[in-house]
Amino acid sequence: MSRVLLLAKKEVLQLLRDKRMLPLLFIAPIIQLIMFGYVVQTEVKHIGVIVADSDRSVESQIIADKLTNAGYFEIIKRVDGEQKVAACIRSGEATIGLIIPKGFQDNIKSGQTAELMLVVDGSDATTGMQAQQYALGVIAARSQEIVSQRLDSMKAITAKVSSVEPRIRVWYNPDLKSVNYMVPGLIGMILTLIITILTSMAIVKERERGTLEQLIVTPIERWELILGKILPFIVIAFVEIALILGVGVFWFKVPFRGNIFLLLALCIAFLFTIVGLGLLASTMSRTQHQAQMTAWFLNMPAVMLSGFIFPIENMPKVIQLVTYVVPLRYFLVIVRGIFLKGVGLEALWEQVLMLSILGLLIFSISIFRFQKRFAD
């Protein structure tokens, strides 16, 4: 074991001498966390609205006010006619056009269906879809208010009018803040991107410098060489986990409701997979540049298919089947479950089991290829 520690000490000293590597290890994760926390938001706000109000009534003004008070929309300007609305949306000046026809209020008072038109810019599908959902929600809420007012007036005449009133409670993330969803997932993403690249470069770096052969002819065993190489990166990984947890909880105010020791223990299982991926990339490369490119090639599909950015349920069925071999998929469920829900192994055992199986499989394959490269 002393030889493993000496080799790990050598690796740490090499990292400390590399002045370009230190910012990558400890500053880059914080920058990534802050950027994702502030920039990557699932909510769409400040949506530009063009209003063409031909009715110019109290009811049409209420609809426009409801949109602005919802917190998602900003009325850019008011115009006359559909053609001007179309021109503003075509130029990108606004995302939604609200067209209220003449007689809108009269139809409401007479009990008829009052129609209005929403024109949505679909060139940006994500923004357009969310803007449409927000606007429909505001209009539906106003429609419900009108129905409730009519029911109240009917109650004065009839004995009783039945109605259904929903009472909505959002658990674990009451304000539906995207930062509460993104920050826990960043633990897995940042560890995947950084530790995999570092591990892949560690072995190749020895080969480039010509010191790998010297290590092979020493009395050190191959398992000691591998353990000594990856041990510093495991320690670095836990330092980065602590940094991300600190920034997430104290800076972004993300609630942590689970057991910190359970989270750290399950992080070890996840580290086996990403260290295994790094070793696998090192066996496929002969230079540090090749190792970096191989690690990126392995990491980017994993991040895209993990559900970190795009929901797995929205992917084609064939792609959903591929996600079952992505370790980050299971770790995201684990870390978000512990972070936001405070659940334990009784709720996460399936994810832990799949992550452990994949970690053992990937690590075993990487060790086998690593030893085969030595033999060659």
Protein backbone atom coordinates (compact mmCIF):
# COMPACT_ATOMS: atom_id res chain seq x y z
CA MET A 1 0.00 0.00 0.00
CA SER A 2 2.93 2.30 0.63
CA ARG A 3 3.90 2.01 -3.05
CA VAL A 4 0.39 3.05 -4.05
CA LEU A 5 0.60 6.11 -1.81
CA LEU A 6 4.01 7.03 -3.19
CA LEU A 7 2.70 6.76 -6.74
CA ALA A 8 -0.35 8.84 -5.79
CA LYS A 9 1.95 11.44 -4.22
CA LYS A 10 3.94 11.57 -7.47
CA GLU A 11 0.74 12.14 -9.41
CA VAL A 12 -0.32 14.96 -7.08
CA LEU A 13 3.05 16.66 -7.41
CA GLN A 14 2.80 16.47 -11.20
CA LEU A 15 -0.64 18.07 -11.06
CA LEU A 16 0.57 20.86 -8.78
CA ARG A 17 3.45 21.63 -11.15
CA ASP A 18 1.04 21.99 -14.06
CA LYS A 19 -0.17 25.57 -13.57
CA ARG A 20 -2.67 25.24 -16.42
CA MET A 21 -4.34 22.21 -14.84
CA LEU A 22 -5.13 23.76 -11.45
CA PRO A 23 -7.71 26.26 -12.79
CA LEU A 24 -9.33 23.41 -14.72
CA LEU A 25 -9.64 21.36 -11.54
CA PHE A 26 -10.99 23.87 -9.06
CA ILE A 27 -12.05 27.08 -10.82
CA ALA A 28 -13.70 25.67 -13.94
CA PRO A 29 -16.33 23.66 -11.97
CA ILE A 30 -17.40 26.78 -10.08
CA ILE A 31 -17.62 28.80 -13.30
CA GLN A 32 -19.65 26.04 -14.94
CA LEU A 33 -21.94 25.83 -11.94
CA ILE A 34 -22.58 29.58 -11.88
CA MET A 35 -23.12 29.73 -15.64
CA PHE A 36 -25.59 26.85 -15.62
CA GLY A 37 -27.31 28.15 -12.51
CA TYR A 38 -27.93 31.60 -13.98
CA VAL A 39 -28.02 30.98 -17.74
CA VAL A 40 -29.71 27.61 -18.20
CA GLN A 41 -33.28 28.30 -17.15
CA THR A 42 -36.27 26.21 -18.11
CA GLU A 43 -38.60 29.15 -17.52
CA VAL A 44 -39.02 31.59 -20.39
CA LYS A 45 -39.50 35.17 -19.24
CA HIS A 46 -39.75 38.64 -20.79
CA ILE A 47 -41.70 37.32 -23.78
CA GLY A 48 -42.47 40.16 -26.17
CA VAL A 49 -46.17 40.64 -27.01
CA ILE A 50 -47.75 42.75 -29.76
CA VAL A 51 -51.38 43.65 -29.07
CA ALA A 52 -53.94 44.54 -31.74
CA ASP A 53 -57.06 45.53 -29.78
CA SER A 54 -59.95 46.34 -32.10
CA ASP A 55 -62.51 46.16 -29.28
CA ARG A 56 -60.87 48.70 -26.94
CA SER A 57 -63.11 47.63 -24.10
CA VAL A 58 -62.69 47.01 -20.40
CA GLU A 59 -62.63 43.25 -20.95
CA SER A 60 -59.95 43.43 -23.64
CA GLN A 61 -57.84 45.61 -21.36
CA ILE A 62 -58.23 43.06 -18.55
CA ILE A 63 -56.85 40.32 -20.83
CA ALA A 64 -53.82 42.46 -21.72
CA ASP A 65 -53.23 43.34 -18.06
CA LYS A 66 -53.48 39.67 -17.06
CA LEU A 67 -50.71 38.83 -19.51
CA THR A 68 -48.34 41.47 -18.18
CA ASN A 69 -49.13 40.67 -14.54
CA ALA A 70 -48.37 36.98 -15.08
CA GLY A 71 -44.65 37.77 -14.94
CA TYR A 72 -43.77 36.14 -18.26
CA PHE A 73 -44.88 38.71 -20.83
CA GLU A 74 -44.03 42.27 -21.76
CA ILE A 75 -46.25 44.23 -24.11
CA ILE A 76 -43.84 45.75 -26.65
CA LYS A 77 -46.42 47.97 -28.32
CA ARG A 78 -50.01 48.16 -29.50
CA VAL A 79 -50.84 48.24 -33.17
CA ASP A 80 -53.89 48.32 -35.43
CA GLY A 81 -54.67 45.35 -37.62
CA GLU A 82 -53.40 41.82 -38.11
CA GLN A 83 -50.94 42.83 -40.82
CA LYS A 84 -48.89 44.92 -38.40
CA VAL A 85 -48.89 42.06 -35.88
CA ALA A 86 -47.60 39.69 -38.56
CA ALA A 87 -44.90 42.18 -39.57
CA CYS A 88 -43.68 42.58 -35.98
CA ILE A 89 -43.47 38.82 -35.43
CA ARG A 90 -41.76 38.29 -38.79
CA SER A 91 -39.08 40.85 -37.86
CA GLY A 92 -38.48 39.15 -34.49
CA GLU A 93 -39.71 42.14 -32.52
CA ALA A 94 -42.15 39.99 -30.56
CA THR A 95 -42.85 36.32 -29.91
CA ILE A 96 -46.62 36.47 -29.51
CA GLY A 97 -49.30 38.54 -31.15
CA LEU A 98 -52.60 39.04 -29.32
CA ILE A 99 -55.47 39.99 -31.66
CA ILE A 100 -58.76 40.97 -30.00
CA PRO A 101 -61.64 41.43 -32.46
CA LYS A 102 -64.37 44.03 -32.23
CA GLY A 103 -67.36 42.89 -30.19
CA PHE A 104 -65.23 40.84 -27.79
CA GLN A 105 -66.80 42.30 -24.64
CA ASP A 106 -70.34 42.24 -26.08
CA ASN A 107 -70.04 38.51 -26.74
CA ILE A 108 -68.97 37.90 -23.15
CA LYS A 109 -71.88 39.91 -21.73
CA SER A 110 -74.40 38.15 -23.96
CA GLY A 111 -73.13 34.72 -22.87
CA GLN A 112 -71.71 33.83 -26.27
CA THR A 113 -68.24 32.42 -26.97
CA ALA A 114 -65.80 35.31 -27.18
CA GLU A 115 -62.88 34.52 -29.48
CA LEU A 116 -59.47 36.07 -29.68
CA MET A 117 -56.39 35.11 -31.69
CA LEU A 118 -52.88 34.25 -30.51
CA VAL A 119 -50.15 34.35 -33.16
CA VAL A 120 -47.02 32.54 -31.94
CA ASP A 121 -43.55 32.68 -33.47
CA GLY A 122 -42.63 29.00 -33.90
CA SER A 123 -39.13 29.56 -35.34
CA ASP A 124 -37.82 28.93 -31.81
CA ALA A 125 -39.89 25.89 -30.92
CA THR A 126 -38.98 25.82 -27.21
CA THR A 127 -39.74 29.49 -26.54
CA GLY A 128 -42.81 29.45 -28.76
CA MET A 129 -44.30 26.39 -27.07
CA GLN A 130 -43.77 27.72 -23.56
CA ALA A 131 -45.08 31.18 -24.53
CA GLN A 132 -48.19 29.54 -25.95
CA GLN A 133 -48.73 27.48 -22.80
CA TYR A 134 -48.28 30.52 -20.54
CA ALA A 135 -50.70 32.62 -22.62
CA LEU A 136 -53.31 29.86 -22.76
CA GLY A 137 -53.02 29.49 -19.00
CA VAL A 138 -53.65 33.21 -18.46
CA ILE A 139 -56.64 33.22 -20.81
CA ALA A 140 -58.05 30.06 -19.24
CA ALA A 141 -57.74 31.64 -15.79
CA ARG A 142 -59.67 34.71 -16.99
CA SER A 143 -62.31 32.47 -18.55
CA GLN A 144 -62.68 30.67 -15.23
CA GLU A 145 -63.12 34.01 -13.47
CA ILE A 146 -65.94 34.92 -15.86
CA VAL A 147 -67.63 31.55 -15.28
CA SER A 148 -67.27 31.99 -11.51
CA GLN A 149 -68.85 35.43 -11.69
CA ARG A 150 -71.81 34.01 -13.59
CA LEU A 151 -72.15 31.17 -11.09
CA ASP A 152 -72.12 33.66 -8.22
CA SER A 153 -74.95 35.58 -9.87
CA MET A 154 -76.88 32.35 -10.37
CA LYS A 155 -76.48 31.40 -6.72
CA ALA A 156 -78.62 34.37 -5.79
CA ILE A 157 -81.45 32.79 -7.79
CA THR A 158 -80.94 29.06 -7.42
CA ALA A 159 -80.44 27.18 -4.21
CA LYS A 160 -77.05 25.69 -5.02
CA VAL A 161 -74.71 25.34 -7.99
CA SER A 162 -72.11 22.58 -8.01
CA SER A 163 -68.57 23.29 -9.19
CA VAL A 164 -65.12 21.74 -9.16
CA GLU A 165 -62.30 23.83 -7.74
CA PRO A 166 -58.74 22.45 -8.05
CA ARG A 167 -56.26 23.05 -5.25
CA ILE A 168 -52.73 22.56 -6.53
CA ARG A 169 -49.76 21.76 -4.32
CA VAL A 170 -46.26 21.45 -5.78
CA TRP A 171 -43.99 19.27 -3.66
CA TYR A 172 -40.18 19.41 -3.30
CA ASN A 173 -39.82 22.52 -5.51
CA PRO A 174 -42.84 24.72 -4.70
CA ASP A 175 -41.67 27.70 -6.76
CA LEU A 176 -40.72 25.46 -9.72
CA LYS A 177 -37.28 27.06 -9.85
CA SER A 178 -35.14 25.51 -12.57
CA VAL A 179 -31.97 26.19 -10.55
CA ASN A 180 -33.18 23.72 -7.92
CA TYR A 181 -33.40 21.11 -10.66
CA MET A 182 -30.19 22.00 -12.51
CA VAL A 183 -27.66 22.43 -9.69
CA PRO A 184 -27.90 18.89 -8.22
CA GLY A 185 -27.53 17.45 -11.71
CA LEU A 186 -24.39 19.52 -12.26
CA ILE A 187 -22.59 17.33 -9.72
CA GLY A 188 -22.82 14.40 -12.10
CA MET A 189 -22.18 16.39 -15.26
CA ILE A 190 -19.10 18.24 -14.01
CA LEU A 191 -17.60 15.09 -12.50
CA THR A 192 -18.18 13.27 -15.77
CA LEU A 193 -16.55 15.92 -17.92
CA ILE A 194 -13.52 16.70 -15.75
CA ILE A 195 -12.60 13.44 -14.03
CA THR A 196 -12.94 11.38 -17.21
CA ILE A 197 -10.57 13.69 -19.10
CA LEU A 198 -8.05 13.82 -16.26
CA THR A 199 -8.03 10.05 -15.83
CA SER A 200 -7.63 9.43 -19.55
CA MET A 201 -4.67 11.80 -19.74
CA ALA A 202 -2.88 10.42 -16.67
CA ILE A 203 -1.81 7.15 -18.29
CA VAL A 204 -1.16 8.59 -21.73
CA LYS A 205 1.00 11.31 -20.21
CA GLU A 206 3.35 8.69 -18.78
CA ARG A 207 3.56 7.03 -22.18
CA GLU A 208 4.37 10.33 -23.92
CA ARG A 209 7.13 11.12 -21.43
CA GLY A 210 8.60 7.64 -21.71
CA THR A 211 8.17 6.95 -17.99
CA LEU A 212 5.46 4.30 -18.39
CA GLU A 213 8.01 1.64 -19.35
CA GLN A 214 10.11 2.59 -16.33
CA LEU A 215 7.09 2.09 -14.06
CA ILE A 216 6.34 -1.28 -15.65
CA VAL A 217 9.83 -2.70 -14.94
CA THR A 218 9.69 -1.64 -11.28
CA PRO A 219 8.46 -4.08 -8.59
CA ILE A 220 5.12 -2.27 -8.49
CA GLU A 221 2.14 -4.41 -9.43
CA ARG A 222 -0.18 -3.37 -12.20
CA TRP A 223 -3.14 -2.98 -9.86
CA GLU A 224 -0.98 -0.76 -7.65
CA LEU A 225 -0.08 1.35 -10.66
CA ILE A 226 -3.74 1.76 -11.62
CA LEU A 227 -4.85 2.50 -8.06
CA GLY A 228 -2.01 4.95 -7.52
CA LYS A 229 -2.95 6.76 -10.72
CA ILE A 230 -6.67 7.09 -10.05
CA LEU A 231 -6.54 7.71 -6.27
CA PRO A 232 -5.64 11.44 -6.59
CA PHE A 233 -8.50 11.99 -9.02
CA ILE A 234 -10.96 10.38 -6.63
CA VAL A 235 -9.80 12.80 -3.92
CA ILE A 236 -10.09 15.69 -6.40
CA ALA A 237 -13.60 14.51 -7.27
CA PHE A 238 -14.71 14.75 -3.64
CA VAL A 239 -13.19 18.22 -3.34
CA GLU A 240 -15.22 19.27 -6.39
CA ILE A 241 -18.34 17.68 -4.91
CA ALA A 242 -17.83 19.75 -1.75
CA LEU A 243 -17.35 22.93 -3.82
CA ILE A 244 -20.49 22.30 -5.87
CA LEU A 245 -22.54 21.48 -2.78
CA GLY A 246 -21.31 24.62 -1.04
CA VAL A 247 -22.07 26.92 -3.96
CA GLY A 248 -25.40 25.24 -4.67
CA VAL A 249 -26.68 25.34 -1.11
CA PHE A 250 -25.26 28.65 0.13
CA TRP A 251 -25.13 30.69 -3.09
CA PHE A 252 -28.12 29.44 -5.07
CA LYS A 253 -30.10 28.49 -1.93
CA VAL A 254 -30.94 25.05 -3.31
CA PRO A 255 -32.55 23.03 -0.48
CA PHE A 256 -30.72 19.90 0.64
CA ARG A 257 -33.17 17.55 2.34
CA GLY A 258 -31.31 14.24 2.27
CA ASN A 259 -28.47 12.44 3.98
CA ILE A 260 -25.09 13.87 3.01
CA PHE A 261 -23.26 10.64 3.88
CA LEU A 262 -25.57 8.60 1.65
CA LEU A 263 -24.92 11.03 -1.19
CA LEU A 264 -21.14 10.78 -0.76
CA ALA A 265 -21.31 6.98 -0.58
CA LEU A 266 -23.29 6.78 -3.82
CA CYS A 267 -20.89 9.23 -5.44
CA ILE A 268 -18.20 6.55 -4.99
CA ALA A 269 -20.27 4.14 -7.10
CA PHE A 270 -20.60 6.78 -9.78
CA LEU A 271 -16.88 7.58 -9.66
CA PHE A 272 -16.13 3.96 -10.54
CA THR A 273 -17.96 4.42 -13.82
CA ILE A 274 -16.36 7.70 -14.86
CA VAL A 275 -12.87 6.61 -13.78
CA GLY A 276 -13.48 3.44 -15.78
CA LEU A 277 -14.46 5.54 -18.79
CA GLY A 278 -11.27 7.56 -18.37
CA LEU A 279 -9.13 4.43 -18.27
CA LEU A 280 -10.99 3.09 -21.29
CA ALA A 281 -10.24 6.29 -23.21
CA SER A 282 -6.55 6.01 -22.23
CA THR A 283 -6.33 2.51 -23.70
CA MET A 284 -7.72 3.86 -26.98
CA SER A 285 -5.23 6.73 -27.23
CA ARG A 286 -1.50 7.26 -27.63
CA THR A 287 -1.29 11.02 -27.09
CA GLN A 288 -2.88 13.40 -24.60
CA HIS A 289 -4.73 15.13 -27.41
CA GLN A 290 -6.22 11.83 -28.54
CA ALA A 291 -7.17 11.03 -24.95
CA GLN A 292 -8.99 14.36 -24.61
CA MET A 293 -10.88 13.87 -27.86
CA THR A 294 -11.80 10.29 -26.96
CA ALA A 295 -13.04 11.35 -23.53
CA TRP A 296 -15.17 14.09 -25.10
CA PHE A 297 -16.50 11.58 -27.61
CA LEU A 298 -17.60 9.30 -24.76
CA ASN A 299 -18.91 12.10 -22.53
CA MET A 300 -21.02 14.27 -24.79
CA PRO A 301 -23.51 11.57 -25.88
CA ALA A 302 -23.73 10.49 -22.24
CA VAL A 303 -24.64 14.02 -21.13
CA MET A 304 -27.15 14.46 -23.96
CA LEU A 305 -28.85 11.12 -23.28
CA SER A 306 -28.83 11.31 -19.49
CA GLY A 307 -31.90 13.51 -19.15
CA PHE A 308 -29.85 16.39 -17.76
CA ILE A 309 -30.99 18.82 -20.47
CA PHE A 310 -33.62 16.99 -22.52
CA PRO A 311 -36.29 14.79 -20.90
CA ILE A 312 -35.78 11.13 -21.75
CA GLU A 313 -39.55 10.71 -22.19
CA ASN A 314 -39.47 13.10 -25.17
CA MET A 315 -36.80 11.09 -27.01
CA PRO A 316 -37.63 8.48 -29.69
CA LYS A 317 -38.19 4.97 -28.36
CA VAL A 318 -34.96 3.66 -29.88
CA ILE A 319 -32.92 6.41 -28.22
CA GLN A 320 -34.69 5.75 -24.91
CA LEU A 321 -33.39 2.20 -25.02
CA VAL A 322 -29.83 3.52 -25.47
CA THR A 323 -30.14 5.67 -22.34
CA TYR A 324 -30.33 2.54 -20.18
CA VAL A 325 -26.56 2.08 -20.62
CA VAL A 326 -25.77 5.69 -19.63
CA PRO A 327 -24.58 5.76 -15.98
CA LEU A 328 -25.29 9.49 -15.62
CA ARG A 329 -28.99 8.79 -16.17
CA TYR A 330 -29.18 6.83 -12.90
CA PHE A 331 -26.93 9.17 -10.95
CA LEU A 332 -29.11 12.17 -11.82
CA VAL A 333 -32.15 10.43 -10.35
CA ILE A 334 -30.12 9.57 -7.24
CA VAL A 335 -28.66 13.01 -6.60
CA ARG A 336 -31.92 14.86 -7.27
CA GLY A 337 -33.85 12.41 -5.12
CA ILE A 338 -31.48 12.91 -2.18
CA PHE A 339 -31.15 16.65 -2.72
CA LEU A 340 -34.75 17.71 -3.25
CA LYS A 341 -36.87 14.85 -1.89
CA GLY A 342 -34.67 13.59 0.93
CA VAL A 343 -35.30 9.97 -0.04
CA GLY A 344 -33.08 7.03 0.93
CA LEU A 345 -32.11 3.66 -0.47
CA GLU A 346 -35.66 2.37 -0.15
CA ALA A 347 -36.65 4.66 -3.04
CA LEU A 348 -33.36 4.62 -4.98
CA TRP A 349 -32.26 0.99 -4.80
CA GLU A 350 -33.12 0.28 -8.46
CA GLN A 351 -31.03 3.24 -9.64
CA VAL A 352 -28.18 2.28 -7.30
CA LEU A 353 -28.28 -1.33 -8.53
CA MET A 354 -28.14 -0.33 -12.22
CA LEU A 355 -25.39 2.22 -11.56
CA SER A 356 -23.33 -0.36 -9.66
CA ILE A 357 -23.73 -2.97 -12.42
CA LEU A 358 -22.72 -0.49 -15.11
CA GLY A 359 -19.81 0.79 -13.00
CA LEU A 360 -18.50 -2.71 -12.38
CA LEU A 361 -18.87 -3.61 -16.06
CA ILE A 362 -17.19 -0.47 -17.39
CA PHE A 363 -14.39 -0.58 -14.83
CA SER A 364 -13.72 -4.27 -15.50
CA ILE A 365 -13.55 -3.73 -19.27
CA SER A 366 -11.20 -0.77 -18.84
CA ILE A 367 -8.90 -2.74 -16.49
CA PHE A 368 -8.84 -5.66 -18.92
CA ARG A 369 -7.90 -3.43 -21.84
CA PHE A 370 -5.38 -1.57 -19.71
CA GLN A 371 -3.61 -4.81 -18.73
CA LYS A 372 -3.75 -6.03 -22.32
CA ARG A 373 -2.00 -2.87 -23.48
CA PHE A 374 0.72 -3.53 -20.91
CA ALA A 375 1.10 -7.08 -22.17
CA ASP A 376 1.44 -5.82 -25.73
